[in-house]
Amino acid sequence: MYESFYTVAGMTCGHCVSSVTEEVGKIDGVTSVQVDLPTGGVTVAGTREPDAAEVAVAVEEAGYTVTA
């Protein structure tokens, strides 16, 4: 199991969390997405190391930006 951590800017509510979770969860090999709304932290787990660029694109599709 692989796990990566990202910081996402702009999330302010439960809908934001749902959008990011849904889009990042579509990435091949991702098995779990956990979002911590107060910190903007997003932990992505999967069967392979998720490509940071793939995660950034998915987050942008949800309307937000990966900052770290």
PDB file of N, CA and C in Angstrom:
ATOM      1  N   MET A   1       0.852  -1.180   0.000  1.00  0.00           N
ATOM      2  CA  MET A   1       0.000   0.000   0.000  1.00  0.00           C
ATOM      3  C   MET A   1       0.891   1.234   0.000  1.00  0.00           C
ATOM      4  N   TYR A   2       0.596   2.155  -0.866  1.00  0.00           N
ATOM      5  CA  TYR A   2       1.323   3.410  -0.955  1.00  0.00           C
ATOM      6  C   TYR A   2       0.460   4.528  -0.396  1.00  0.00           C
ATOM      7  N   GLU A   3       1.111   5.551   0.164  1.00  0.00           N
ATOM      8  CA  GLU A   3       0.371   6.675   0.715  1.00  0.00           C
ATOM      9  C   GLU A   3       1.133   7.964   0.428  1.00  0.00           C
ATOM     10  N   SER A   4       0.401   8.994   0.003  1.00  0.00           N
ATOM     11  CA  SER A   4       0.988  10.301  -0.276  1.00  0.00           C
ATOM     12  C   SER A   4       0.142  11.368   0.387  1.00  0.00           C
ATOM     13  N   PHE A   5       0.775  12.486   0.737  1.00  0.00           N
ATOM     14  CA  PHE A   5       0.079  13.585   1.387  1.00  0.00           C
ATOM     15  C   PHE A   5       0.209  14.845   0.547  1.00  0.00           C
ATOM     16  N   TYR A   6      -0.883  15.578   0.427  1.00  0.00           N
ATOM     17  CA  TYR A   6      -0.923  16.827  -0.335  1.00  0.00           C
ATOM     18  C   TYR A   6      -1.654  17.877   0.490  1.00  0.00           C
ATOM     19  N   THR A   7      -1.365  19.131   0.211  1.00  0.00           N
ATOM     20  CA  THR A   7      -2.104  20.228   0.819  1.00  0.00           C
ATOM     21  C   THR A   7      -2.891  20.907  -0.298  1.00  0.00           C
ATOM     22  N   VAL A   8      -4.188  21.095  -0.066  1.00  0.00           N
ATOM     23  CA  VAL A   8      -5.078  21.655  -1.077  1.00  0.00           C
ATOM     24  C   VAL A   8      -5.652  22.974  -0.563  1.00  0.00           C
ATOM     25  N   ALA A   9      -5.571  24.007  -1.391  1.00  0.00           N
ATOM     26  CA  ALA A   9      -6.081  25.329  -1.024  1.00  0.00           C
ATOM     27  C   ALA A   9      -7.494  25.530  -1.539  1.00  0.00           C
ATOM     28  N   GLY A  10      -8.301  26.251  -0.757  1.00  0.00           N
ATOM     29  CA  GLY A  10      -9.613  26.678  -1.215  1.00  0.00           C
ATOM     30  C   GLY A  10     -10.797  25.876  -0.713  1.00  0.00           C
ATOM     31  N   MET A  11     -10.564  24.780  -0.014  1.00  0.00           N
ATOM     32  CA  MET A  11     -11.685  23.978   0.475  1.00  0.00           C
ATOM     33  C   MET A  11     -12.263  24.640   1.725  1.00  0.00           C
ATOM     34  N   THR A  12     -13.590  24.796   1.748  1.00  0.00           N
ATOM     35  CA  THR A  12     -14.226  25.486   2.876  1.00  0.00           C
ATOM     36  C   THR A  12     -15.416  24.747   3.469  1.00  0.00           C
ATOM     37  N   CYS A  13     -15.872  23.654   2.828  1.00  0.00           N
ATOM     38  CA  CYS A  13     -17.090  23.000   3.309  1.00  0.00           C
ATOM     39  C   CYS A  13     -17.101  21.511   2.955  1.00  0.00           C
ATOM     40  N   GLY A  14     -18.141  20.851   3.387  1.00  0.00           N
ATOM     41  CA  GLY A  14     -18.306  19.432   3.108  1.00  0.00           C
ATOM     42  C   GLY A  14     -18.412  19.118   1.629  1.00  0.00           C
ATOM     43  N   HIS A  15     -19.023  20.013   0.863  1.00  0.00           N
ATOM     44  CA  HIS A  15     -19.126  19.809  -0.582  1.00  0.00           C
ATOM     45  C   HIS A  15     -17.732  19.815  -1.208  1.00  0.00           C
ATOM     46  N   CYS A  16     -16.857  20.685  -0.717  1.00  0.00           N
ATOM     47  CA  CYS A  16     -15.478  20.741  -1.200  1.00  0.00           C
ATOM     48  C   CYS A  16     -14.788  19.396  -0.970  1.00  0.00           C
ATOM     49  N   VAL A  17     -14.957  18.866   0.229  1.00  0.00           N
ATOM     50  CA  VAL A  17     -14.367  17.581   0.587  1.00  0.00           C
ATOM     51  C   VAL A  17     -14.887  16.490  -0.337  1.00  0.00           C
ATOM     52  N   SER A  18     -16.186  16.472  -0.574  1.00  0.00           N
ATOM     53  CA  SER A  18     -16.786  15.460  -1.453  1.00  0.00           C
ATOM     54  C   SER A  18     -16.245  15.553  -2.872  1.00  0.00           C
ATOM     55  N   SER A  19     -16.123  16.772  -3.376  1.00  0.00           N
ATOM     56  CA  SER A  19     -15.636  16.971  -4.745  1.00  0.00           C
ATOM     57  C   SER A  19     -14.205  16.475  -4.907  1.00  0.00           C
ATOM     58  N   VAL A  20     -13.342  16.848  -3.967  1.00  0.00           N
ATOM     59  CA  VAL A  20     -11.945  16.420  -4.036  1.00  0.00           C
ATOM     60  C   VAL A  20     -11.848  14.902  -3.881  1.00  0.00           C
ATOM     61  N   THR A  21     -12.577  14.352  -2.932  1.00  0.00           N
ATOM     62  CA  THR A  21     -12.565  12.902  -2.706  1.00  0.00           C
ATOM     63  C   THR A  21     -13.006  12.156  -3.959  1.00  0.00           C
ATOM     64  N   GLU A  22     -14.068  12.632  -4.581  1.00  0.00           N
ATOM     65  CA  GLU A  22     -14.591  11.965  -5.779  1.00  0.00           C
ATOM     66  C   GLU A  22     -13.595  12.018  -6.929  1.00  0.00           C
ATOM     67  N   GLU A  23     -13.036  13.177  -7.217  1.00  0.00           N
ATOM     68  CA  GLU A  23     -12.131  13.319  -8.359  1.00  0.00           C
ATOM     69  C   GLU A  23     -10.826  12.560  -8.149  1.00  0.00           C
ATOM     70  N   VAL A  24     -10.232  12.682  -6.972  1.00  0.00           N
ATOM     71  CA  VAL A  24      -8.975  11.979  -6.709  1.00  0.00           C
ATOM     72  C   VAL A  24      -9.216  10.471  -6.662  1.00  0.00           C
ATOM     73  N   GLY A  25     -10.371  10.070  -6.176  1.00  0.00           N
ATOM     74  CA  GLY A  25     -10.713   8.648  -6.117  1.00  0.00           C
ATOM     75  C   GLY A  25     -10.839   7.983  -7.470  1.00  0.00           C
ATOM     76  N   LYS A  26     -10.961   8.763  -8.525  1.00  0.00           N
ATOM     77  CA  LYS A  26     -11.058   8.224  -9.887  1.00  0.00           C
ATOM     78  C   LYS A  26      -9.702   7.808 -10.457  1.00  0.00           C
ATOM     79  N   ILE A  27      -8.615   8.221  -9.806  1.00  0.00           N
ATOM     80  CA  ILE A  27      -7.281   7.895 -10.308  1.00  0.00           C
ATOM     81  C   ILE A  27      -7.048   6.391 -10.176  1.00  0.00           C
ATOM     82  N   ASP A  28      -6.517   5.799 -11.239  1.00  0.00           N
ATOM     83  CA  ASP A  28      -6.252   4.366 -11.264  1.00  0.00           C
ATOM     84  C   ASP A  28      -5.343   3.970 -10.107  1.00  0.00           C
ATOM     85  N   GLY A  29      -5.759   2.987  -9.336  1.00  0.00           N
ATOM     86  CA  GLY A  29      -4.969   2.466  -8.235  1.00  0.00           C
ATOM     87  C   GLY A  29      -5.269   3.095  -6.885  1.00  0.00           C
ATOM     88  N   VAL A  30      -6.018   4.200  -6.867  1.00  0.00           N
ATOM     89  CA  VAL A  30      -6.343   4.850  -5.599  1.00  0.00           C
ATOM     90  C   VAL A  30      -7.434   4.053  -4.895  1.00  0.00           C
ATOM     91  N   THR A  31      -7.182   3.725  -3.628  1.00  0.00           N
ATOM     92  CA  THR A  31      -8.147   2.948  -2.857  1.00  0.00           C
ATOM     93  C   THR A  31      -8.786   3.750  -1.734  1.00  0.00           C
ATOM     94  N   SER A  32      -8.151   4.877  -1.351  1.00  0.00           N
ATOM     95  CA  SER A  32      -8.669   5.673  -0.246  1.00  0.00           C
ATOM     96  C   SER A  32      -8.220   7.124  -0.386  1.00  0.00           C
ATOM     97  N   VAL A  33      -9.147   8.039  -0.105  1.00  0.00           N
ATOM     98  CA  VAL A  33      -8.839   9.470  -0.077  1.00  0.00           C
ATOM     99  C   VAL A  33      -9.402  10.010   1.227  1.00  0.00           C
ATOM    100  N   GLN A  34      -8.538  10.588   2.040  1.00  0.00           N
ATOM    101  CA  GLN A  34      -8.981  11.178   3.301  1.00  0.00           C
ATOM    102  C   GLN A  34      -8.643  12.669   3.274  1.00  0.00           C
ATOM    103  N   VAL A  35      -9.658  13.491   3.519  1.00  0.00           N
ATOM    104  CA  VAL A  35      -9.491  14.937   3.485  1.00  0.00           C
ATOM    105  C   VAL A  35      -9.704  15.502   4.890  1.00  0.00           C
ATOM    106  N   ASP A  36      -8.758  16.323   5.336  1.00  0.00           N
ATOM    107  CA  ASP A  36      -8.876  17.031   6.611  1.00  0.00           C
ATOM    108  C   ASP A  36      -9.192  18.489   6.275  1.00  0.00           C
ATOM    109  N   LEU A  37     -10.456  18.847   6.359  1.00  0.00           N
ATOM    110  CA  LEU A  37     -10.910  20.174   5.943  1.00  0.00           C
ATOM    111  C   LEU A  37     -10.197  21.318   6.672  1.00  0.00           C
ATOM    112  N   PRO A  38     -10.060  21.281   7.995  1.00  0.00           N
ATOM    113  CA  PRO A  38      -9.428  22.418   8.679  1.00  0.00           C
ATOM    114  C   PRO A  38      -7.991  22.712   8.227  1.00  0.00           C
ATOM    115  N   THR A  39      -7.233  21.668   7.892  1.00  0.00           N
ATOM    116  CA  THR A  39      -5.833  21.876   7.494  1.00  0.00           C
ATOM    117  C   THR A  39      -5.641  21.886   5.979  1.00  0.00           C
ATOM    118  N   GLY A  40      -6.637  21.404   5.240  1.00  0.00           N
ATOM    119  CA  GLY A  40      -6.493  21.283   3.789  1.00  0.00           C
ATOM    120  C   GLY A  40      -5.680  20.071   3.389  1.00  0.00           C
ATOM    121  N   GLY A  41      -5.394  19.201   4.341  1.00  0.00           N
ATOM    122  CA  GLY A  41      -4.595  18.013   4.060  1.00  0.00           C
ATOM    123  C   GLY A  41      -5.391  16.938   3.345  1.00  0.00           C
ATOM    124  N   VAL A  42      -4.762  16.327   2.353  1.00  0.00           N
ATOM    125  CA  VAL A  42      -5.386  15.231   1.612  1.00  0.00           C
ATOM    126  C   VAL A  42      -4.398  14.066   1.589  1.00  0.00           C
ATOM    127  N   THR A  43      -4.827  12.937   2.145  1.00  0.00           N
ATOM    128  CA  THR A  43      -4.004  11.737   2.141  1.00  0.00           C
ATOM    129  C   THR A  43      -4.591  10.775   1.121  1.00  0.00           C
ATOM    130  N   VAL A  44      -3.740  10.338   0.192  1.00  0.00           N
ATOM    131  CA  VAL A  44      -4.164   9.454  -0.888  1.00  0.00           C
ATOM    132  C   VAL A  44      -3.437   8.120  -0.712  1.00  0.00           C
ATOM    133  N   ALA A  45      -4.200   7.034  -0.641  1.00  0.00           N
ATOM    134  CA  ALA A  45      -3.620   5.698  -0.511  1.00  0.00           C
ATOM    135  C   ALA A  45      -4.036   4.866  -1.711  1.00  0.00           C
ATOM    136  N   GLY A  46      -3.165   3.941  -2.087  1.00  0.00           N
ATOM    137  CA  GLY A  46      -3.505   3.105  -3.227  1.00  0.00           C
ATOM    138  C   GLY A  46      -2.552   1.951  -3.418  1.00  0.00           C
ATOM    139  N   THR A  47      -2.799   1.214  -4.478  1.00  0.00           N
ATOM    140  CA  THR A  47      -2.013   0.035  -4.796  1.00  0.00           C
ATOM    141  C   THR A  47      -0.721   0.391  -5.521  1.00  0.00           C
ATOM    142  N   ARG A  48      -0.599   1.657  -5.912  1.00  0.00           N
ATOM    143  CA  ARG A  48       0.640   2.154  -6.523  1.00  0.00           C
ATOM    144  C   ARG A  48       0.837   3.592  -6.050  1.00  0.00           C
ATOM    145  N   GLU A  49       2.058   4.083  -6.160  1.00  0.00           N
ATOM    146  CA  GLU A  49       2.347   5.462  -5.773  1.00  0.00           C
ATOM    147  C   GLU A  49       1.614   6.394  -6.734  1.00  0.00           C
ATOM    148  N   PRO A  50       0.684   7.212  -6.234  1.00  0.00           N
ATOM    149  CA  PRO A  50      -0.028   8.107  -7.139  1.00  0.00           C
ATOM    150  C   PRO A  50       0.917   9.174  -7.676  1.00  0.00           C
ATOM    151  N   ASP A  51       0.838   9.444  -8.954  1.00  0.00           N
ATOM    152  CA  ASP A  51       1.642  10.478  -9.586  1.00  0.00           C
ATOM    153  C   ASP A  51       1.135  11.838  -9.112  1.00  0.00           C
ATOM    154  N   ALA A  52       2.041  12.686  -8.635  1.00  0.00           N
ATOM    155  CA  ALA A  52       1.656  14.000  -8.114  1.00  0.00           C
ATOM    156  C   ALA A  52       0.926  14.827  -9.166  1.00  0.00           C
ATOM    157  N   ALA A  53       1.324  14.706 -10.409  1.00  0.00           N
ATOM    158  CA  ALA A  53       0.661  15.455 -11.481  1.00  0.00           C
ATOM    159  C   ALA A  53      -0.777  14.978 -11.669  1.00  0.00           C
ATOM    160  N   GLU A  54      -1.000  13.671 -11.564  1.00  0.00           N
ATOM    161  CA  GLU A  54      -2.361  13.128 -11.674  1.00  0.00           C
ATOM    162  C   GLU A  54      -3.243  13.663 -10.555  1.00  0.00           C
ATOM    163  N   VAL A  55      -2.697  13.695  -9.354  1.00  0.00           N
ATOM    164  CA  VAL A  55      -3.451  14.196  -8.211  1.00  0.00           C
ATOM    165  C   VAL A  55      -3.758  15.681  -8.407  1.00  0.00           C
ATOM    166  N   ALA A  56      -2.783  16.453  -8.856  1.00  0.00           N
ATOM    167  CA  ALA A  56      -2.991  17.890  -9.078  1.00  0.00           C
ATOM    168  C   ALA A  56      -4.088  18.136 -10.105  1.00  0.00           C
ATOM    169  N   VAL A  57      -4.095  17.362 -11.185  1.00  0.00           N
ATOM    170  CA  VAL A  57      -5.129  17.516 -12.220  1.00  0.00           C
ATOM    171  C   VAL A  57      -6.499  17.167 -11.650  1.00  0.00           C
ATOM    172  N   ALA A  58      -6.580  16.091 -10.877  1.00  0.00           N
ATOM    173  CA  ALA A  58      -7.862  15.688 -10.281  1.00  0.00           C
ATOM    174  C   ALA A  58      -8.371  16.760  -9.328  1.00  0.00           C
ATOM    175  N   VAL A  59      -7.482  17.325  -8.527  1.00  0.00           N
ATOM    176  CA  VAL A  59      -7.869  18.380  -7.592  1.00  0.00           C
ATOM    177  C   VAL A  59      -8.347  19.609  -8.360  1.00  0.00           C
ATOM    178  N   GLU A  60      -7.665  19.937  -9.458  1.00  0.00           N
ATOM    179  CA  GLU A  60      -8.093  21.068 -10.289  1.00  0.00           C
ATOM    180  C   GLU A  60      -9.462  20.818 -10.924  1.00  0.00           C
ATOM    181  N   GLU A  61      -9.714  19.563 -11.309  1.00  0.00           N
ATOM    182  CA  GLU A  61     -11.026  19.204 -11.853  1.00  0.00           C
ATOM    183  C   GLU A  61     -12.125  19.472 -10.827  1.00  0.00           C
ATOM    184  N   ALA A  62     -11.781  19.305  -9.558  1.00  0.00           N
ATOM    185  CA  ALA A  62     -12.738  19.557  -8.478  1.00  0.00           C
ATOM    186  C   ALA A  62     -12.866  21.045  -8.174  1.00  0.00           C
ATOM    187  N   GLY A  63     -11.953  21.857  -8.725  1.00  0.00           N
ATOM    188  CA  GLY A  63     -12.035  23.300  -8.547  1.00  0.00           C
ATOM    189  C   GLY A  63     -11.074  23.882  -7.525  1.00  0.00           C
ATOM    190  N   TYR A  64     -10.028  23.123  -7.168  1.00  0.00           N
ATOM    191  CA  TYR A  64      -9.093  23.557  -6.131  1.00  0.00           C
ATOM    192  C   TYR A  64      -7.671  23.409  -6.627  1.00  0.00           C
ATOM    193  N   THR A  65      -6.707  23.763  -5.779  1.00  0.00           N
ATOM    194  CA  THR A  65      -5.305  23.741  -6.177  1.00  0.00           C
ATOM    195  C   THR A  65      -4.447  23.038  -5.133  1.00  0.00           C
ATOM    196  N   VAL A  66      -3.563  22.148  -5.603  1.00  0.00           N
ATOM    197  CA  VAL A  66      -2.584  21.532  -4.719  1.00  0.00           C
ATOM    198  C   VAL A  66      -1.489  22.569  -4.481  1.00  0.00           C
ATOM    199  N   THR A  67      -1.204  22.840  -3.203  1.00  0.00           N
ATOM    200  CA  THR A  67      -0.193  23.848  -2.882  1.00  0.00           C
ATOM    201  C   THR A  67       1.100  23.234  -2.377  1.00  0.00           C
ATOM    202  N   ALA A  68       1.067  22.002  -1.960  1.00  0.00           N
ATOM    203  CA  ALA A  68       2.294  21.341  -1.474  1.00  0.00           C
ATOM    204  C   ALA A  68       2.144  19.841  -1.584  1.00  0.00           C
TER     205      ALA A  68
END
